[in-house]
């Protein structure tokens, strides 16, 4: 059984209520989960060694040098990484962390309902997601999902494999992406501001796909997503 370290912390977001929901989803995906809160030394190499993947729901904060090295090198060595929501607004003192995630938070409009559209339905993360049922007269299914969440506007590396997007003021913004980091796999999901947002079926289903993909053996994932490696 794969073992996942779930890390929660920081201000602005209610990680104490959200992380139990994430734990539920990780367990439902068939993985063992260990939860750590507000202790970045959980990322030092010795403590991270037993885990196959790391899931981060955190805002802000800093990483001590040994924690940064343990996390960055651990993912590069073949562990999976899942960053949720403000994981792209964390550990700003560590450019290596931001490079690994692949993007960073700029701003968001008011909390509201909006539409998320899949851009890549063939990727292992998204291939099991269902869209609107096609009518007899339609030529294609529609993979759009209504969410109520913070609509993150993110700067990101254009070489990422963007899986899902949203639109704000006529501009397209990423909602979910994948990339590789050395031998490791990275999945980022911009959704998840509060418990209600995390209970959205789309959030659960795409997160489950991300968890499973990041935990695949290196040879399997490289065959499916040779997009971009560091």
C-alpha atoms as a PDB file:
ATOM      1  CA  UNK A   1       0.000   0.000   0.000  1.00  0.00           C
ATOM      2  CA  UNK A   2       1.290   3.451  -0.944  1.00  0.00           C
ATOM      3  CA  UNK A   3       1.971   5.760   1.985  1.00  0.00           C
ATOM      4  CA  UNK A   4       1.142   9.476   1.759  1.00  0.00           C
ATOM      5  CA  UNK A   5       2.276  12.353   3.961  1.00  0.00           C
ATOM      6  CA  UNK A   6      -0.506  14.950   4.192  1.00  0.00           C
ATOM      7  CA  UNK A   7       0.817  18.310   5.370  1.00  0.00           C
ATOM      8  CA  UNK A   8      -1.452  21.143   6.535  1.00  0.00           C
ATOM      9  CA  UNK A   9      -0.576  24.562   7.858  1.00  0.00           C
ATOM     10  CA  UNK A  10      -0.483  28.319   7.532  1.00  0.00           C
ATOM     11  CA  UNK A  11      -3.049  31.066   7.826  1.00  0.00           C
ATOM     12  CA  UNK A  12      -5.956  32.246   5.641  1.00  0.00           C
ATOM     13  CA  UNK A  13      -7.371  28.768   5.027  1.00  0.00           C
ATOM     14  CA  UNK A  14      -9.070  26.375   7.440  1.00  0.00           C
ATOM     15  CA  UNK A  15      -6.659  23.479   6.979  1.00  0.00           C
ATOM     16  CA  UNK A  16      -7.788  21.952  10.292  1.00  0.00           C
ATOM     17  CA  UNK A  17     -11.222  21.281   8.782  1.00  0.00           C
ATOM     18  CA  UNK A  18     -10.077  20.623   5.220  1.00  0.00           C
ATOM     19  CA  UNK A  19      -7.284  18.114   5.883  1.00  0.00           C
ATOM     20  CA  UNK A  20      -9.679  15.509   7.364  1.00  0.00           C
ATOM     21  CA  UNK A  21     -11.611  15.665   4.076  1.00  0.00           C
ATOM     22  CA  UNK A  22      -8.378  15.205   2.141  1.00  0.00           C
ATOM     23  CA  UNK A  23      -7.437  12.301   4.418  1.00  0.00           C
ATOM     24  CA  UNK A  24     -10.772  10.695   3.596  1.00  0.00           C
ATOM     25  CA  UNK A  25     -10.107  11.000  -0.142  1.00  0.00           C
ATOM     26  CA  UNK A  26      -6.562   9.650   0.135  1.00  0.00           C
ATOM     27  CA  UNK A  27      -7.779   6.626   2.085  1.00  0.00           C
ATOM     28  CA  UNK A  28     -10.596   6.064  -0.436  1.00  0.00           C
ATOM     29  CA  UNK A  29      -7.938   5.974  -3.162  1.00  0.00           C
ATOM     30  CA  UNK A  30      -6.422   2.958  -1.410  1.00  0.00           C
ATOM     31  CA  UNK A  31      -3.477   4.723   0.226  1.00  0.00           C
ATOM     32  CA  UNK A  32      -2.315   4.988   3.823  1.00  0.00           C
ATOM     33  CA  UNK A  33      -2.166   8.578   5.056  1.00  0.00           C
ATOM     34  CA  UNK A  34      -0.259  10.256   7.871  1.00  0.00           C
ATOM     35  CA  UNK A  35      -1.249  13.821   8.745  1.00  0.00           C
ATOM     36  CA  UNK A  36       1.241  16.423  10.018  1.00  0.00           C
ATOM     37  CA  UNK A  37       0.319  20.033  10.834  1.00  0.00           C
ATOM     38  CA  UNK A  38       2.585  23.093  11.023  1.00  0.00           C
ATOM     39  CA  UNK A  39       5.828  21.141  11.298  1.00  0.00           C
ATOM     40  CA  UNK A  40       7.973  21.689   8.182  1.00  0.00           C
ATOM     41  CA  UNK A  41      10.666  19.448   9.646  1.00  0.00           C
ATOM     42  CA  UNK A  42       8.378  16.621   8.532  1.00  0.00           C
ATOM     43  CA  UNK A  43      10.052  17.129   5.145  1.00  0.00           C
ATOM     44  CA  UNK A  44      13.616  16.363   6.257  1.00  0.00           C
ATOM     45  CA  UNK A  45      14.980  13.364   4.387  1.00  0.00           C
ATOM     46  CA  UNK A  46      14.884  10.929   7.301  1.00  0.00           C
ATOM     47  CA  UNK A  47      11.237  11.630   8.129  1.00  0.00           C
ATOM     48  CA  UNK A  48      10.126  11.746   4.503  1.00  0.00           C
ATOM     49  CA  UNK A  49      11.837   8.497   3.561  1.00  0.00           C
ATOM     50  CA  UNK A  50       8.912   6.126   4.377  1.00  0.00           C
ATOM     51  CA  UNK A  51       6.445   7.992   2.142  1.00  0.00           C
ATOM     52  CA  UNK A  52       5.666   7.447  -1.533  1.00  0.00           C
ATOM     53  CA  UNK A  53       3.995  10.844  -1.989  1.00  0.00           C
ATOM     54  CA  UNK A  54       3.420  14.210  -0.318  1.00  0.00           C
ATOM     55  CA  UNK A  55       0.163  16.184  -0.342  1.00  0.00           C
ATOM     56  CA  UNK A  56       0.419  19.818   0.759  1.00  0.00           C
ATOM     57  CA  UNK A  57      -2.466  22.036   1.858  1.00  0.00           C
ATOM     58  CA  UNK A  58      -0.617  25.021   3.279  1.00  0.00           C
ATOM     59  CA  UNK A  59      -0.490  28.803   3.007  1.00  0.00           C
ATOM     60  CA  UNK A  60       2.639  30.921   3.415  1.00  0.00           C
ATOM     61  CA  UNK A  61       5.332  29.859   5.843  1.00  0.00           C
ATOM     62  CA  UNK A  62       9.008  29.107   5.448  1.00  0.00           C
ATOM     63  CA  UNK A  63      11.048  25.970   4.940  1.00  0.00           C
ATOM     64  CA  UNK A  64      14.211  25.407   6.959  1.00  0.00           C
ATOM     65  CA  UNK A  65      17.158  24.435   4.771  1.00  0.00           C
ATOM     66  CA  UNK A  66      17.098  20.760   5.741  1.00  0.00           C
ATOM     67  CA  UNK A  67      13.335  20.584   5.131  1.00  0.00           C
ATOM     68  CA  UNK A  68      13.636  22.239   1.733  1.00  0.00           C
ATOM     69  CA  UNK A  69      16.405  19.869   0.685  1.00  0.00           C
ATOM     70  CA  UNK A  70      14.487  16.848   1.928  1.00  0.00           C
ATOM     71  CA  UNK A  71      11.319  17.809   0.060  1.00  0.00           C
ATOM     72  CA  UNK A  72      12.854  18.993  -3.218  1.00  0.00           C
ATOM     73  CA  UNK A  73      15.346  16.135  -3.433  1.00  0.00           C
ATOM     74  CA  UNK A  74      12.764  13.603  -2.269  1.00  0.00           C
ATOM     75  CA  UNK A  75      10.402  14.477  -5.113  1.00  0.00           C
ATOM     76  CA  UNK A  76      13.269  14.567  -7.612  1.00  0.00           C
ATOM     77  CA  UNK A  77      14.265  11.113  -6.384  1.00  0.00           C
ATOM     78  CA  UNK A  78      10.912   9.631  -7.383  1.00  0.00           C
ATOM     79  CA  UNK A  79       8.258  10.532  -4.802  1.00  0.00           C
ATOM     80  CA  UNK A  80       4.935  12.009  -5.867  1.00  0.00           C
ATOM     81  CA  UNK A  81       3.814  15.532  -5.023  1.00  0.00           C
ATOM     82  CA  UNK A  82       0.267  16.923  -4.888  1.00  0.00           C
ATOM     83  CA  UNK A  83      -0.171  20.630  -4.194  1.00  0.00           C
ATOM     84  CA  UNK A  84      -3.664  21.899  -3.410  1.00  0.00           C
ATOM     85  CA  UNK A  85      -4.925  25.500  -3.621  1.00  0.00           C
ATOM     86  CA  UNK A  86      -2.554  27.714  -1.595  1.00  0.00           C
ATOM     87  CA  UNK A  87       0.306  25.256  -2.021  1.00  0.00           C
ATOM     88  CA  UNK A  88       1.080  27.700  -4.852  1.00  0.00           C
ATOM     89  CA  UNK A  89       1.114  30.529  -2.283  1.00  0.00           C
ATOM     90  CA  UNK A  90       3.536  28.908   0.156  1.00  0.00           C
ATOM     91  CA  UNK A  91       7.222  28.944   1.082  1.00  0.00           C
ATOM     92  CA  UNK A  92       8.041  32.023  -1.000  1.00  0.00           C
ATOM     93  CA  UNK A  93      11.537  32.129   0.433  1.00  0.00           C
ATOM     94  CA  UNK A  94      12.340  28.947  -1.495  1.00  0.00           C
ATOM     95  CA  UNK A  95      12.451  29.446  -5.292  1.00  0.00           C
ATOM     96  CA  UNK A  96      13.244  25.755  -5.707  1.00  0.00           C
ATOM     97  CA  UNK A  97       9.901  24.886  -4.163  1.00  0.00           C
ATOM     98  CA  UNK A  98       8.027  27.274  -6.452  1.00  0.00           C
ATOM     99  CA  UNK A  99       9.907  25.891  -9.462  1.00  0.00           C
ATOM    100  CA  UNK A 100       8.904  22.363  -8.495  1.00  0.00           C
ATOM    101  CA  UNK A 101       5.218  23.287  -8.099  1.00  0.00           C
ATOM    102  CA  UNK A 102       5.362  25.003 -11.485  1.00  0.00           C
ATOM    103  CA  UNK A 103       3.492  28.211 -10.738  1.00  0.00           C
ATOM    104  CA  UNK A 104       2.521  30.701  -8.061  1.00  0.00           C
ATOM    105  CA  UNK A 105      -0.528  32.623  -6.891  1.00  0.00           C
ATOM    106  CA  UNK A 106      -1.078  36.206  -8.071  1.00  0.00           C
ATOM    107  CA  UNK A 107      -4.629  37.145  -7.031  1.00  0.00           C
ATOM    108  CA  UNK A 108      -8.233  36.008  -7.022  1.00  0.00           C
ATOM    109  CA  UNK A 109     -11.628  37.673  -7.531  1.00  0.00           C
ATOM    110  CA  UNK A 110     -14.358  37.287  -4.936  1.00  0.00           C
ATOM    111  CA  UNK A 111     -15.420  33.788  -3.919  1.00  0.00           C
ATOM    112  CA  UNK A 112     -18.076  32.752  -6.442  1.00  0.00           C
ATOM    113  CA  UNK A 113     -19.401  30.141  -8.831  1.00  0.00           C
ATOM    114  CA  UNK A 114     -17.537  29.616 -12.109  1.00  0.00           C
ATOM    115  CA  UNK A 115     -16.888  26.982 -14.759  1.00  0.00           C
ATOM    116  CA  UNK A 116     -13.837  24.735 -15.031  1.00  0.00           C
ATOM    117  CA  UNK A 117     -13.138  23.146 -18.425  1.00  0.00           C
ATOM    118  CA  UNK A 118     -10.958  20.126 -19.111  1.00  0.00           C
ATOM    119  CA  UNK A 119      -8.245  20.688 -21.704  1.00  0.00           C
ATOM    120  CA  UNK A 120      -6.800  17.158 -21.649  1.00  0.00           C
ATOM    121  CA  UNK A 121      -9.288  14.355 -21.166  1.00  0.00           C
ATOM    122  CA  UNK A 122      -6.829  11.630 -22.218  1.00  0.00           C
ATOM    123  CA  UNK A 123      -4.356  12.111 -19.368  1.00  0.00           C
ATOM    124  CA  UNK A 124      -4.396   9.428 -16.620  1.00  0.00           C
ATOM    125  CA  UNK A 125      -5.441  12.095 -14.100  1.00  0.00           C
ATOM    126  CA  UNK A 126      -8.578  13.053 -16.022  1.00  0.00           C
ATOM    127  CA  UNK A 127      -9.470  10.100 -18.248  1.00  0.00           C
ATOM    128  CA  UNK A 128     -12.102   8.774 -15.817  1.00  0.00           C
ATOM    129  CA  UNK A 129     -13.887  12.112 -15.388  1.00  0.00           C
ATOM    130  CA  UNK A 130     -17.361  12.271 -16.872  1.00  0.00           C
ATOM    131  CA  UNK A 131     -18.677  15.228 -18.840  1.00  0.00           C
ATOM    132  CA  UNK A 132     -22.193  16.243 -19.787  1.00  0.00           C
ATOM    133  CA  UNK A 133     -23.860  13.427 -21.691  1.00  0.00           C
ATOM    134  CA  UNK A 134     -23.745  14.081 -25.432  1.00  0.00           C
ATOM    135  CA  UNK A 135     -27.092  14.531 -27.197  1.00  0.00           C
ATOM    136  CA  UNK A 136     -27.877  12.838 -30.480  1.00  0.00           C
ATOM    137  CA  UNK A 137     -27.146  16.044 -32.385  1.00  0.00           C
ATOM    138  CA  UNK A 138     -23.871  16.851 -30.594  1.00  0.00           C
ATOM    139  CA  UNK A 139     -20.555  15.919 -32.134  1.00  0.00           C
ATOM    140  CA  UNK A 140     -18.612  15.786 -28.862  1.00  0.00           C
ATOM    141  CA  UNK A 141     -19.152  15.494 -25.084  1.00  0.00           C
ATOM    142  CA  UNK A 142     -18.729  18.643 -22.990  1.00  0.00           C
ATOM    143  CA  UNK A 143     -16.229  18.447 -20.132  1.00  0.00           C
ATOM    144  CA  UNK A 144     -17.240  21.447 -18.042  1.00  0.00           C
ATOM    145  CA  UNK A 145     -17.843  21.589 -14.311  1.00  0.00           C
ATOM    146  CA  UNK A 146     -19.484  24.186 -12.101  1.00  0.00           C
ATOM    147  CA  UNK A 147     -17.578  24.970  -8.899  1.00  0.00           C
ATOM    148  CA  UNK A 148     -17.934  27.492  -6.072  1.00  0.00           C
ATOM    149  CA  UNK A 149     -14.452  28.415  -4.944  1.00  0.00           C
ATOM    150  CA  UNK A 150     -11.718  31.019  -5.020  1.00  0.00           C
ATOM    151  CA  UNK A 151     -10.773  31.457  -8.656  1.00  0.00           C
ATOM    152  CA  UNK A 152      -7.007  31.507  -8.483  1.00  0.00           C
ATOM    153  CA  UNK A 153      -5.110  33.577 -11.034  1.00  0.00           C
ATOM    154  CA  UNK A 154      -1.682  31.999 -11.335  1.00  0.00           C
ATOM    155  CA  UNK A 155       1.604  32.721 -13.033  1.00  0.00           C
ATOM    156  CA  UNK A 156       2.937  29.428 -14.343  1.00  0.00           C
ATOM    157  CA  UNK A 157       5.582  27.758 -16.458  1.00  0.00           C
ATOM    158  CA  UNK A 158       4.299  27.557 -20.028  1.00  0.00           C
ATOM    159  CA  UNK A 159       5.900  24.119 -20.406  1.00  0.00           C
ATOM    160  CA  UNK A 160       3.495  22.522 -17.926  1.00  0.00           C
ATOM    161  CA  UNK A 161       0.823  20.073 -19.048  1.00  0.00           C
ATOM    162  CA  UNK A 162      -2.310  22.064 -18.207  1.00  0.00           C
ATOM    163  CA  UNK A 163      -5.250  19.725 -17.639  1.00  0.00           C
ATOM    164  CA  UNK A 164      -8.036  22.165 -16.777  1.00  0.00           C
ATOM    165  CA  UNK A 165      -8.659  25.890 -17.126  1.00  0.00           C
ATOM    166  CA  UNK A 166     -11.095  28.647 -16.251  1.00  0.00           C
ATOM    167  CA  UNK A 167     -11.813  32.100 -17.685  1.00  0.00           C
ATOM    168  CA  UNK A 168     -11.741  35.437 -15.887  1.00  0.00           C
ATOM    169  CA  UNK A 169     -12.198  38.765 -17.695  1.00  0.00           C
ATOM    170  CA  UNK A 170     -11.628  37.128 -21.053  1.00  0.00           C
ATOM    171  CA  UNK A 171      -8.335  35.512 -20.051  1.00  0.00           C
ATOM    172  CA  UNK A 172      -7.741  31.793 -19.569  1.00  0.00           C
ATOM    173  CA  UNK A 173      -6.139  30.628 -16.317  1.00  0.00           C
ATOM    174  CA  UNK A 174      -4.937  27.157 -15.296  1.00  0.00           C
ATOM    175  CA  UNK A 175      -6.830  25.172 -12.683  1.00  0.00           C
ATOM    176  CA  UNK A 176      -4.903  21.891 -12.730  1.00  0.00           C
ATOM    177  CA  UNK A 177      -1.618  20.773 -14.215  1.00  0.00           C
ATOM    178  CA  UNK A 178       1.009  18.048 -14.170  1.00  0.00           C
ATOM    179  CA  UNK A 179       4.722  18.025 -14.689  1.00  0.00           C
ATOM    180  CA  UNK A 180       7.729  15.913 -13.764  1.00  0.00           C
ATOM    181  CA  UNK A 181      10.499  16.885 -11.362  1.00  0.00           C
ATOM    182  CA  UNK A 182      13.498  14.662 -11.856  1.00  0.00           C
ATOM    183  CA  UNK A 183      12.106  11.173 -11.371  1.00  0.00           C
ATOM    184  CA  UNK A 184       9.105  12.498  -9.449  1.00  0.00           C
ATOM    185  CA  UNK A 185       5.587  13.390 -10.521  1.00  0.00           C
ATOM    186  CA  UNK A 186       3.862  16.692  -9.648  1.00  0.00           C
ATOM    187  CA  UNK A 187       0.131  17.438  -9.741  1.00  0.00           C
ATOM    188  CA  UNK A 188      -1.262  20.836  -8.758  1.00  0.00           C
ATOM    189  CA  UNK A 189      -4.940  21.713  -8.232  1.00  0.00           C
ATOM    190  CA  UNK A 190      -5.947  25.334  -7.679  1.00  0.00           C
ATOM    191  CA  UNK A 191      -9.344  24.459  -6.183  1.00  0.00           C
ATOM    192  CA  UNK A 192     -10.093  23.833  -2.498  1.00  0.00           C
ATOM    193  CA  UNK A 193     -10.610  27.107  -0.621  1.00  0.00           C
ATOM    194  CA  UNK A 194     -12.956  25.625   1.980  1.00  0.00           C
ATOM    195  CA  UNK A 195     -14.683  22.408   2.989  1.00  0.00           C
ATOM    196  CA  UNK A 196     -17.643  23.059   0.701  1.00  0.00           C
ATOM    197  CA  UNK A 197     -15.300  23.449  -2.276  1.00  0.00           C
ATOM    198  CA  UNK A 198     -13.468  20.257  -1.352  1.00  0.00           C
ATOM    199  CA  UNK A 199     -16.781  18.375  -1.180  1.00  0.00           C
ATOM    200  CA  UNK A 200     -17.514  19.197  -4.831  1.00  0.00           C
ATOM    201  CA  UNK A 201     -17.491  15.877  -6.776  1.00  0.00           C
ATOM    202  CA  UNK A 202     -15.229  17.354  -9.456  1.00  0.00           C
ATOM    203  CA  UNK A 203     -12.647  18.291  -6.820  1.00  0.00           C
ATOM    204  CA  UNK A 204     -12.717  14.798  -5.334  1.00  0.00           C
ATOM    205  CA  UNK A 205     -12.521  13.028  -8.683  1.00  0.00           C
ATOM    206  CA  UNK A 206      -9.675  15.038 -10.209  1.00  0.00           C
ATOM    207  CA  UNK A 207      -7.751  14.944  -6.910  1.00  0.00           C
ATOM    208  CA  UNK A 208      -8.127  11.157  -6.826  1.00  0.00           C
ATOM    209  CA  UNK A 209      -6.760  10.957 -10.357  1.00  0.00           C
ATOM    210  CA  UNK A 210      -3.834  13.166  -9.364  1.00  0.00           C
ATOM    211  CA  UNK A 211      -3.064  11.072  -6.295  1.00  0.00           C
ATOM    212  CA  UNK A 212      -2.988   7.865  -8.303  1.00  0.00           C
ATOM    213  CA  UNK A 213      -0.920   9.336 -11.132  1.00  0.00           C
ATOM    214  CA  UNK A 214       1.741  10.807  -8.856  1.00  0.00           C
ATOM    215  CA  UNK A 215       2.099   7.451  -7.120  1.00  0.00           C
ATOM    216  CA  UNK A 216       2.723   5.435 -10.300  1.00  0.00           C
ATOM    217  CA  UNK A 217       6.134   3.843 -10.892  1.00  0.00           C
ATOM    218  CA  UNK A 218       8.541   6.063 -12.792  1.00  0.00           C
ATOM    219  CA  UNK A 219       8.603   3.990 -15.974  1.00  0.00           C
ATOM    220  CA  UNK A 220       4.801   3.931 -16.207  1.00  0.00           C
ATOM    221  CA  UNK A 221       4.319   7.645 -15.718  1.00  0.00           C
ATOM    222  CA  UNK A 222       7.094   8.681 -18.075  1.00  0.00           C
ATOM    223  CA  UNK A 223       5.501   6.641 -20.822  1.00  0.00           C
ATOM    224  CA  UNK A 224       2.223   8.507 -20.299  1.00  0.00           C
ATOM    225  CA  UNK A 225       3.490  12.002 -19.620  1.00  0.00           C
ATOM    226  CA  UNK A 226       6.925  12.690 -21.094  1.00  0.00           C
ATOM    227  CA  UNK A 227       6.058  16.376 -21.204  1.00  0.00           C
ATOM    228  CA  UNK A 228       8.756  18.130 -19.282  1.00  0.00           C
ATOM    229  CA  UNK A 229      11.450  16.929 -16.908  1.00  0.00           C
ATOM    230  CA  UNK A 230      13.973  18.757 -14.765  1.00  0.00           C
END
